[in-house]
Amino acid sequence: MKPSRIALYTLIALTAAVIAWYFLAKEPPPEWPINLIHLLTRH
């Protein structure tokens, strides 16, 4: 596999991880169960 393709896939994976972390660290709506990542990262 080309190094450029590995770099592209790594970039996509990191972007997805950052987006997921952002959404999981937000304050959950009141009717949702407690969000563990939100508790760990309290803003």
Protein backbone atom coordinates (compact mmCIF):
# COMPACT_ATOMS: atom_id res chain seq x y z
CA MET A 1 0.00 0.00 0.00
CA LYS A 2 1.29 3.48 -0.86
CA PRO A 3 2.42 5.68 2.03
CA SER A 4 0.15 8.46 0.78
CA ARG A 5 -2.86 6.17 1.06
CA ILE A 6 -1.87 5.16 4.60
CA ALA A 7 -1.55 8.86 5.50
CA LEU A 8 -4.99 9.57 4.02
CA TYR A 9 -6.63 6.74 5.97
CA THR A 10 -4.88 7.87 9.16
CA LEU A 11 -6.12 11.42 8.66
CA ILE A 12 -9.68 10.20 8.10
CA ALA A 13 -9.51 8.02 11.24
CA LEU A 14 -8.17 10.88 13.37
CA THR A 15 -10.84 13.24 12.08
CA ALA A 16 -13.57 10.72 12.90
CA ALA A 17 -12.11 10.19 16.39
CA VAL A 18 -12.04 13.94 17.09
CA ILE A 19 -15.62 14.39 15.88
CA ALA A 20 -16.81 11.44 17.98
CA TRP A 21 -14.96 12.78 21.06
CA TYR A 22 -16.55 16.23 20.55
CA PHE A 23 -20.08 14.82 20.36
CA LEU A 24 -19.54 12.44 23.29
CA ALA A 25 -18.00 15.12 25.52
CA LYS A 26 -20.95 17.50 25.09
CA GLU A 27 -23.59 17.83 27.79
CA PRO A 28 -26.13 15.07 27.05
CA PRO A 29 -29.85 15.95 26.86
CA PRO A 30 -31.68 15.56 30.20
CA GLU A 31 -33.55 12.39 29.21
CA TRP A 32 -30.38 10.55 28.14
CA PRO A 33 -28.39 8.31 30.47
CA ILE A 34 -25.20 9.70 31.95
CA ASN A 35 -22.40 9.99 29.40
CA LEU A 36 -19.12 8.56 30.74
CA ILE A 37 -16.86 10.64 28.48
CA HIS A 38 -18.73 13.79 29.51
CA LEU A 39 -18.14 12.93 33.16
CA LEU A 40 -14.42 12.39 32.50
CA THR A 41 -13.98 15.66 30.57
CA ARG A 42 -16.30 18.00 32.49
CA HIS A 43 -16.03 21.45 30.95
